[in-house]
Amino acid sequence: MTIRVPLRARYNGGIAADGRLPLYDGTASIQGVAQAVQIATHALLTGSIVTRATAARSADFYLLPSRSGSYLVELAAYIEANPAVAGISAPIIYDWIKTIFTKATSRRQVEPTTAKVDRWMERDEPFLDELAETLEGSLQRVHRPIGPDVTTITFERPRAELLTLNADTKAWVNTRDVTADATAFTGNVTRFNSITRNGRAFIDQLRRVVPFKPADDFAMGGLQYLTWSLHGSANDLPKRLRINAREVKSATEETKRLLLVDCARDE
């Protein structure tokens, strides 16, 4: 016989009275509730005290759905109008989230649906690549439940889906260790940000465009060849490079990006 013990955490006062919580502190609080309940129940069932929320013998803990058939987490962003955010609208925010999350969770090319995001991608796609890389740790945590218990996680806007996370996107965001040895490639630079030194290059051996950035031991003299190749790509001039780079791979061994060690003209 299973005893069902429902538990509710209600937040009162302040902005909680309006049905809101600060996103970062609110999620940390909810995690704290889960840890405290699990540790306390573990002590009751086993007579021992643990300092971390380890598995409790004879007890399982679940997050319960807020509606039938799914568990729904609702968030809201309140953006105060000011000159710094002029031109930003809800459709742009949704398009940005869809674009960058898709970039961070797959190699699939996404087509922005708003002019602002499309222009940003056209102007400085290496920035979006850098942002996608930065988001990896967070998105790894988002994917943690995906497996036998959760098959997909869907990000939605009102009356529409933005993107769906699944086992394939989980494998993509879970990056393997960077390869220790550099691999020889050939290719040409298609995008390059001279300030951040992030870029994108078509790699002949991979037959696709891959994000790159210089490794810590990159020979700075190679920067001139990156800009040379970019110029050639933009003007139908010689552009081919010999590239030595370490590969950053997904859990399924797909190359996600390259860390350049050195490069030179392929003459």
Protein backbone atom coordinates (compact mmCIF):
# COMPACT_ATOMS: atom_id res chain seq x y z
CA MET A 1 0.00 0.00 0.00
CA THR A 2 1.28 3.41 -0.92
CA ILE A 3 0.62 6.42 1.27
CA ARG A 4 0.20 9.59 -0.71
CA VAL A 5 1.35 12.68 1.15
CA PRO A 6 0.61 15.81 -0.85
CA LEU A 7 2.53 18.95 0.10
CA ARG A 8 2.12 22.53 -1.04
CA ALA A 9 4.48 25.46 -0.65
CA ARG A 10 2.63 28.75 -0.78
CA TYR A 11 4.51 32.05 -1.03
CA ASN A 12 2.82 35.07 0.49
CA GLY A 13 3.47 38.83 0.77
CA GLY A 14 5.42 41.23 -1.40
CA ILE A 15 5.38 40.48 -5.10
CA ALA A 16 4.27 36.92 -4.26
CA ALA A 17 0.88 38.43 -3.43
CA ASP A 18 0.68 39.33 -7.14
CA GLY A 19 1.51 35.75 -8.14
CA ARG A 20 5.18 36.37 -9.00
CA LEU A 21 8.59 35.30 -7.74
CA PRO A 22 12.05 36.54 -8.77
CA LEU A 23 13.18 34.04 -11.40
CA TYR A 24 16.63 33.15 -10.04
CA ASP A 25 15.83 33.32 -6.32
CA GLY A 26 12.44 31.73 -6.87
CA THR A 27 13.84 28.67 -8.59
CA ALA A 28 16.57 28.38 -5.94
CA SER A 29 13.84 28.51 -3.30
CA ILE A 30 11.80 25.76 -4.94
CA GLN A 31 14.91 23.60 -5.09
CA GLY A 32 15.46 24.29 -1.41
CA VAL A 33 11.91 23.11 -0.65
CA ALA A 34 12.58 19.85 -2.49
CA GLN A 35 15.88 19.28 -0.67
CA ALA A 36 14.42 20.04 2.75
CA VAL A 37 11.43 17.72 2.25
CA GLN A 38 13.62 14.90 0.99
CA ILE A 39 16.18 15.22 3.79
CA ALA A 40 13.47 15.39 6.45
CA THR A 41 11.63 12.37 5.04
CA HIS A 42 14.89 10.43 4.78
CA ALA A 43 15.52 11.07 8.47
CA LEU A 44 12.00 9.92 9.36
CA LEU A 45 12.26 6.71 7.36
CA THR A 46 15.84 5.73 8.16
CA GLY A 47 16.67 7.38 11.46
CA SER A 48 19.74 8.95 9.92
CA ILE A 49 20.52 12.49 8.87
CA VAL A 50 22.08 13.41 5.54
CA THR A 51 23.25 16.83 4.51
CA ARG A 52 22.36 16.39 0.84
CA ALA A 53 19.10 15.38 -0.77
CA THR A 54 20.13 11.81 -1.54
CA ALA A 55 17.61 9.11 -2.44
CA ALA A 56 15.40 8.17 0.51
CA ARG A 57 14.80 4.48 1.09
CA SER A 58 11.18 3.44 0.40
CA ALA A 59 10.24 6.89 -0.82
CA ASP A 60 10.09 8.59 -4.22
CA PHE A 61 9.59 12.28 -4.76
CA TYR A 62 7.96 13.88 -7.79
CA LEU A 63 7.02 17.25 -9.02
CA LEU A 64 3.29 17.19 -9.65
CA PRO A 65 1.70 18.61 -12.81
CA SER A 66 -0.12 21.89 -12.64
CA ARG A 67 -2.59 20.58 -15.24
CA SER A 68 -3.57 17.17 -16.50
CA GLY A 69 -0.94 15.44 -18.61
CA SER A 70 1.98 17.80 -18.14
CA TYR A 71 4.04 19.85 -15.67
CA LEU A 72 3.86 23.49 -16.54
CA VAL A 73 6.29 26.18 -15.36
CA GLU A 74 5.06 29.65 -16.21
CA LEU A 75 7.45 32.59 -16.38
CA ALA A 76 6.91 36.25 -17.12
CA ALA A 77 9.30 39.01 -18.08
CA TYR A 78 8.40 42.58 -17.13
CA ILE A 79 10.37 44.96 -19.31
CA GLU A 80 10.17 48.64 -18.46
CA ALA A 81 10.02 50.91 -21.48
CA ASN A 82 13.13 53.08 -21.89
CA PRO A 83 15.34 54.22 -24.77
CA ALA A 84 17.72 51.28 -24.31
CA VAL A 85 15.02 48.79 -25.30
CA ALA A 86 13.29 50.85 -27.96
CA GLY A 87 12.01 48.61 -30.73
CA ILE A 88 11.93 45.47 -28.59
CA SER A 89 8.55 43.74 -28.68
CA ALA A 90 7.13 40.41 -27.54
CA PRO A 91 7.45 38.80 -31.01
CA ILE A 92 11.13 39.78 -31.12
CA ILE A 93 11.76 38.29 -27.68
CA TYR A 94 10.04 35.04 -28.66
CA ASP A 95 11.97 34.88 -31.92
CA TRP A 96 15.25 35.54 -30.10
CA ILE A 97 14.61 32.77 -27.59
CA LYS A 98 13.64 30.32 -30.32
CA THR A 99 16.69 31.22 -32.41
CA ILE A 100 19.32 31.08 -29.69
CA PHE A 101 17.89 28.02 -27.94
CA THR A 102 17.78 26.18 -31.26
CA LYS A 103 21.38 27.18 -31.93
CA ALA A 104 22.44 25.95 -28.51
CA THR A 105 20.63 22.61 -28.70
CA SER A 106 21.23 21.44 -32.27
CA ARG A 107 23.14 22.11 -35.45
CA ARG A 108 19.86 22.77 -37.25
CA GLN A 109 19.72 26.13 -38.97
CA VAL A 110 16.80 28.22 -37.77
CA GLU A 111 15.32 31.05 -39.81
CA PRO A 112 14.42 34.07 -37.67
CA THR A 113 10.91 35.36 -38.20
CA THR A 114 11.53 38.98 -37.22
CA ALA A 115 13.65 41.51 -39.07
CA LYS A 116 15.59 42.55 -35.96
CA VAL A 117 16.79 39.04 -35.08
CA ASP A 118 17.48 38.28 -38.74
CA ARG A 119 19.63 41.41 -39.06
CA TRP A 120 21.50 40.54 -35.86
CA MET A 121 22.28 37.08 -37.15
CA GLU A 122 23.39 38.48 -40.48
CA ARG A 123 25.56 41.15 -38.84
CA ASP A 124 27.20 39.13 -36.06
CA GLU A 125 26.32 35.45 -36.01
CA PRO A 126 29.53 34.65 -34.04
CA PHE A 127 27.96 36.57 -31.15
CA LEU A 128 24.99 34.21 -31.22
CA ASP A 129 27.39 31.25 -31.33
CA GLU A 130 29.16 32.58 -28.25
CA LEU A 131 25.84 33.10 -26.47
CA ALA A 132 24.75 29.57 -27.40
CA GLU A 133 27.98 28.19 -25.94
CA THR A 134 27.44 30.20 -22.76
CA LEU A 135 23.93 28.76 -22.43
CA GLU A 136 25.13 25.16 -22.60
CA GLY A 137 25.51 24.68 -18.85
CA SER A 138 22.04 26.02 -18.16
CA LEU A 139 20.48 23.97 -20.92
CA GLN A 140 22.23 20.84 -19.68
CA ARG A 141 20.36 21.34 -16.42
CA VAL A 142 17.10 21.96 -18.28
CA HIS A 143 17.55 18.61 -20.04
CA ARG A 144 18.28 16.61 -16.91
CA PRO A 145 14.76 15.09 -16.56
CA ILE A 146 14.65 13.87 -20.17
CA GLY A 147 14.77 10.08 -20.23
CA PRO A 148 12.35 7.38 -19.10
CA ASP A 149 10.27 9.78 -17.03
CA VAL A 150 10.12 12.80 -19.36
CA THR A 151 10.19 12.50 -23.11
CA THR A 152 10.11 16.13 -24.23
CA ILE A 153 10.17 19.66 -22.86
CA THR A 154 8.34 22.24 -24.94
CA PHE A 155 8.89 25.98 -24.79
CA GLU A 156 5.70 27.78 -25.68
CA ARG A 157 4.36 31.26 -26.23
CA PRO A 158 0.63 31.93 -25.97
CA ARG A 159 -1.14 29.65 -28.45
CA ALA A 160 2.08 28.52 -30.16
CA GLU A 161 5.15 26.35 -29.61
CA LEU A 162 8.65 27.80 -29.91
CA LEU A 163 10.81 24.68 -29.76
CA THR A 164 10.87 21.18 -28.28
CA LEU A 165 13.76 19.60 -26.39
CA ASN A 166 14.20 15.82 -26.53
CA ALA A 167 16.80 13.05 -26.30
CA ASP A 168 18.59 14.34 -29.41
CA THR A 169 18.97 17.88 -28.09
CA LYS A 170 20.08 16.45 -24.75
CA ALA A 171 22.88 14.57 -26.50
CA TRP A 172 23.90 17.75 -28.32
CA VAL A 173 24.16 20.01 -25.28
CA ASN A 174 26.05 17.43 -23.23
CA THR A 175 29.53 18.12 -24.54
CA ARG A 176 32.38 15.64 -24.32
CA ASP A 177 35.85 16.72 -23.23
CA VAL A 178 37.77 18.72 -25.80
CA THR A 179 40.03 16.50 -27.87
CA ALA A 180 43.58 16.64 -26.56
CA ASP A 181 45.27 16.64 -29.96
CA ALA A 182 44.68 19.03 -32.81
CA THR A 183 43.22 17.76 -36.07
CA ALA A 184 44.20 19.05 -39.50
CA PHE A 185 41.39 20.62 -41.52
CA THR A 186 41.01 22.78 -44.59
CA GLY A 187 38.32 25.36 -45.17
CA ASN A 188 37.45 29.03 -45.35
CA VAL A 189 36.15 31.63 -42.92
CA THR A 190 32.57 32.79 -43.54
CA ARG A 191 32.06 35.01 -40.47
CA PHE A 192 34.56 36.58 -38.09
CA ASN A 193 34.30 39.09 -35.24
CA SER A 194 37.66 40.80 -34.92
CA ILE A 195 36.86 41.98 -31.39
CA THR A 196 35.76 38.70 -29.79
CA ARG A 197 37.73 36.61 -32.33
CA ASN A 198 34.83 34.21 -32.65
CA GLY A 199 33.87 33.13 -36.12
CA ARG A 200 32.39 30.54 -38.42
CA ALA A 201 34.15 28.53 -41.11
CA PHE A 202 33.16 26.07 -43.79
CA ILE A 203 35.22 22.97 -43.07
CA ASP A 204 35.82 20.75 -46.08
CA GLN A 205 36.16 17.53 -44.08
CA LEU A 206 32.89 18.14 -42.21
CA ARG A 207 31.12 19.58 -45.28
CA ARG A 208 29.38 22.24 -43.24
CA VAL A 209 29.88 25.54 -41.45
CA VAL A 210 31.18 25.22 -37.88
CA PRO A 211 31.67 27.89 -35.19
CA PHE A 212 35.25 28.47 -34.09
CA LYS A 213 37.33 30.51 -31.70
CA PRO A 214 41.07 30.68 -31.06
CA ALA A 215 42.37 28.33 -28.38
CA ASP A 216 44.44 29.72 -25.51
CA ASP A 217 47.61 28.61 -27.30
CA PHE A 218 46.59 30.01 -30.68
CA ALA A 219 49.44 31.73 -32.52
CA MET A 220 48.26 35.33 -32.77
CA GLY A 221 50.00 35.70 -36.11
CA GLY A 222 47.25 33.52 -37.51
CA LEU A 223 44.63 36.25 -37.07
CA GLN A 224 45.75 37.87 -40.32
CA TYR A 225 44.89 34.66 -42.18
CA LEU A 226 41.41 34.54 -40.67
CA THR A 227 40.65 38.05 -41.92
CA TRP A 228 42.29 37.23 -45.27
CA SER A 229 40.05 34.18 -45.68
CA LEU A 230 36.95 36.17 -44.69
CA HIS A 231 37.82 38.82 -47.28
CA GLY A 232 38.24 36.14 -49.92
CA SER A 233 34.90 34.53 -49.04
CA ALA A 234 33.12 37.87 -49.34
CA ASN A 235 34.75 38.89 -52.61
CA ASP A 236 35.16 35.62 -54.52
CA LEU A 237 38.94 35.67 -54.05
CA PRO A 238 41.39 33.03 -52.75
CA LYS A 239 40.26 32.02 -49.27
CA ARG A 240 41.30 28.46 -48.45
CA LEU A 241 43.13 27.85 -45.18
CA ARG A 242 45.00 24.99 -43.57
CA ILE A 243 43.65 24.80 -40.03
CA ASN A 244 44.82 22.87 -36.98
CA ALA A 245 42.12 22.75 -34.33
CA ARG A 246 40.85 20.82 -31.34
CA GLU A 247 37.29 19.58 -31.69
CA VAL A 248 34.49 20.13 -29.18
CA LYS A 249 32.06 17.26 -29.69
CA SER A 250 28.57 16.39 -28.54
CA ALA A 251 27.70 13.22 -26.64
CA THR A 252 26.99 11.62 -30.03
CA GLU A 253 30.47 12.54 -31.36
CA GLU A 254 29.28 15.33 -33.65
CA THR A 255 31.67 18.26 -33.97
CA LYS A 256 30.03 21.31 -32.39
CA ARG A 257 32.82 23.85 -32.70
CA LEU A 258 36.56 24.15 -33.18
CA LEU A 259 39.28 25.64 -31.00
CA LEU A 260 41.92 26.91 -33.40
CA VAL A 261 45.56 26.17 -32.64
CA ASP A 262 47.00 27.69 -35.80
CA CYS A 263 46.16 28.37 -39.42
CA ALA A 264 47.85 29.41 -42.65
CA ARG A 265 47.02 29.99 -46.29
CA ASP A 266 46.57 26.77 -48.23
CA GLU A 267 48.79 27.55 -51.19
